[in-house]
Amino acid sequence: QVQVVESGGGLVQPGGSLRLSCAASGSISGSVFSTYKMAWYRQVPGKQRELVAAITSGGNRNFLDSVKGRFTISRDNAKNTVYLQMNSLKPEDTAVYYCYAEITDSRGAKFGFWGQGTQVTVSS
């Protein structure tokens, strides 16, 4: 019922920047994007998916230690979109980046929805 679609990945040189976008559509029992917890994860082959950044409906944020000071997560509720601004990129940031939406329905049940992923490659 909820679709999550990432965009904005690509190839960038070390020290460069990218902005990833994640747009959500659909709903569960009339759910509203502004109430969702949104997050970005990343994964490389053979390793576990790891949380990169998250933002709550109230605007609280948390980040993976290795990206603090370089990445920023933000949301535009009018556009049903969350962004990940990635600055000072390093080769270790190379991964498939996934958007995740956590929705709490009217009964209090929680659901999670994943995007398809977008590739970020940092290389010279």
Protein backbone atom coordinates (compact mmCIF):
# COMPACT_ATOMS: atom_id res chain seq x y z
CA GLN A 1 0.00 0.00 0.00
CA VAL A 2 2.99 2.31 0.51
CA GLN A 3 5.66 2.73 -2.14
CA VAL A 4 9.07 4.18 -1.36
CA VAL A 5 11.31 5.29 -4.25
CA GLU A 6 14.89 6.57 -3.99
CA SER A 7 16.75 8.65 -6.54
CA GLY A 8 19.90 10.73 -6.83
CA GLY A 9 22.66 8.15 -6.61
CA GLY A 10 25.62 8.07 -8.93
CA LEU A 11 29.39 8.24 -9.28
CA VAL A 12 31.26 10.98 -7.45
CA GLN A 13 34.90 11.67 -6.65
CA PRO A 14 36.18 11.66 -3.07
CA GLY A 15 35.35 14.96 -1.41
CA GLY A 16 32.32 15.47 -3.62
CA SER A 17 28.64 15.71 -2.75
CA LEU A 18 25.37 14.03 -3.63
CA ARG A 19 21.80 14.54 -2.54
CA LEU A 20 19.56 11.50 -2.34
CA SER A 21 15.79 11.83 -2.45
CA CYS A 22 13.14 9.43 -1.20
CA ALA A 23 9.49 9.89 -2.16
CA ALA A 24 6.68 7.98 -0.48
CA SER A 25 3.23 7.41 -1.92
CA GLY A 26 0.12 5.54 -0.88
CA SER A 27 -1.04 5.05 2.66
CA ILE A 28 -2.25 2.61 5.28
CA SER A 29 -5.69 3.45 6.65
CA GLY A 30 -5.25 7.09 5.75
CA SER A 31 -1.76 7.43 7.19
CA VAL A 32 0.00 10.75 6.66
CA PHE A 33 3.64 11.11 5.64
CA SER A 34 4.31 13.80 8.21
CA THR A 35 3.81 11.22 10.97
CA TYR A 36 6.26 8.64 9.57
CA LYS A 37 9.69 7.95 10.93
CA MET A 38 12.03 8.00 7.95
CA ALA A 39 15.53 6.61 7.65
CA TRP A 40 18.38 5.93 5.27
CA TYR A 41 20.32 2.67 5.38
CA ARG A 42 23.21 1.44 3.28
CA GLN A 43 24.58 -1.96 2.37
CA VAL A 44 27.61 -3.37 0.59
CA PRO A 45 27.81 -6.95 -0.73
CA GLY A 46 28.50 -9.50 1.99
CA LYS A 47 27.83 -7.10 4.85
CA GLN A 48 24.83 -6.24 6.99
CA ARG A 49 22.66 -3.30 6.15
CA GLU A 50 23.45 -0.40 8.49
CA LEU A 51 21.51 2.65 9.59
CA VAL A 52 23.00 5.85 8.20
CA ALA A 53 20.53 8.50 9.37
CA ALA A 54 17.00 8.77 10.71
CA ILE A 55 14.50 11.54 11.30
CA THR A 56 11.32 11.42 13.37
CA SER A 57 8.06 13.23 12.78
CA GLY A 58 9.18 15.77 15.37
CA GLY A 59 12.47 16.46 13.60
CA ASN A 60 14.80 14.56 15.91
CA ARG A 61 17.77 13.17 14.01
CA ASN A 62 20.46 10.59 14.55
CA PHE A 63 23.43 9.56 12.43
CA LEU A 64 25.94 6.81 12.03
CA ASP A 65 29.11 7.99 13.79
CA SER A 66 31.20 7.80 10.63
CA VAL A 67 28.95 10.25 8.74
CA LYS A 68 28.36 12.82 11.50
CA GLY A 69 29.27 16.28 10.32
CA ARG A 70 29.21 15.21 6.67
CA PHE A 71 25.64 14.00 6.06
CA THR A 72 22.35 15.75 6.78
CA ILE A 73 18.87 14.25 6.74
CA SER A 74 15.83 16.45 6.19
CA ARG A 75 12.20 16.12 5.18
CA ASP A 76 9.67 18.08 3.18
CA ASN A 77 6.29 16.88 4.34
CA ALA A 78 4.47 18.89 1.66
CA LYS A 79 6.28 16.77 -0.96
CA ASN A 80 6.20 13.47 0.96
CA THR A 81 9.96 13.41 0.54
CA VAL A 82 13.02 12.86 2.70
CA TYR A 83 16.54 13.86 1.63
CA LEU A 84 20.04 12.77 2.48
CA GLN A 85 22.62 15.45 1.73
CA MET A 86 26.01 13.76 1.50
CA ASN A 87 29.09 15.99 1.62
CA SER A 88 32.81 15.26 1.82
CA LEU A 89 32.19 11.79 0.45
CA LYS A 90 34.74 9.06 1.04
CA PRO A 91 35.31 5.75 -0.76
CA GLU A 92 34.00 3.96 2.34
CA ASP A 93 30.61 5.58 1.67
CA THR A 94 30.23 3.45 -1.46
CA ALA A 95 27.10 1.33 -1.04
CA VAL A 96 23.53 0.84 -2.12
CA TYR A 97 21.48 3.33 -0.14
CA TYR A 98 17.95 2.37 0.89
CA CYS A 99 15.12 4.51 2.16
CA TYR A 100 12.93 3.11 4.92
CA ALA A 101 9.56 4.32 6.14
CA GLU A 102 8.15 3.27 9.50
CA ILE A 103 4.42 3.80 9.79
CA THR A 104 2.18 3.41 12.81
CA ASP A 105 -1.43 2.80 11.84
CA SER A 106 -4.57 3.92 13.61
CA ARG A 107 -4.53 0.80 15.80
CA GLY A 108 -0.95 1.31 16.91
CA ALA A 109 0.49 -1.44 14.71
CA LYS A 110 3.84 -0.65 13.08
CA PHE A 111 4.82 -1.37 9.49
CA GLY A 112 8.06 -0.89 7.61
CA PHE A 113 8.53 -0.25 3.89
CA TRP A 114 11.77 -0.31 1.92
CA GLY A 115 12.75 1.42 -1.27
CA GLN A 116 14.50 -0.39 -4.09
CA GLY A 117 17.87 1.22 -3.39
CA THR A 118 20.11 3.63 -5.25
CA GLN A 119 23.81 3.07 -5.90
CA VAL A 120 26.36 5.55 -4.59
CA THR A 121 29.93 5.05 -5.77
CA VAL A 122 32.76 7.24 -4.47
CA SER A 123 35.87 6.72 -6.54
CA SER A 124 38.60 8.62 -8.32
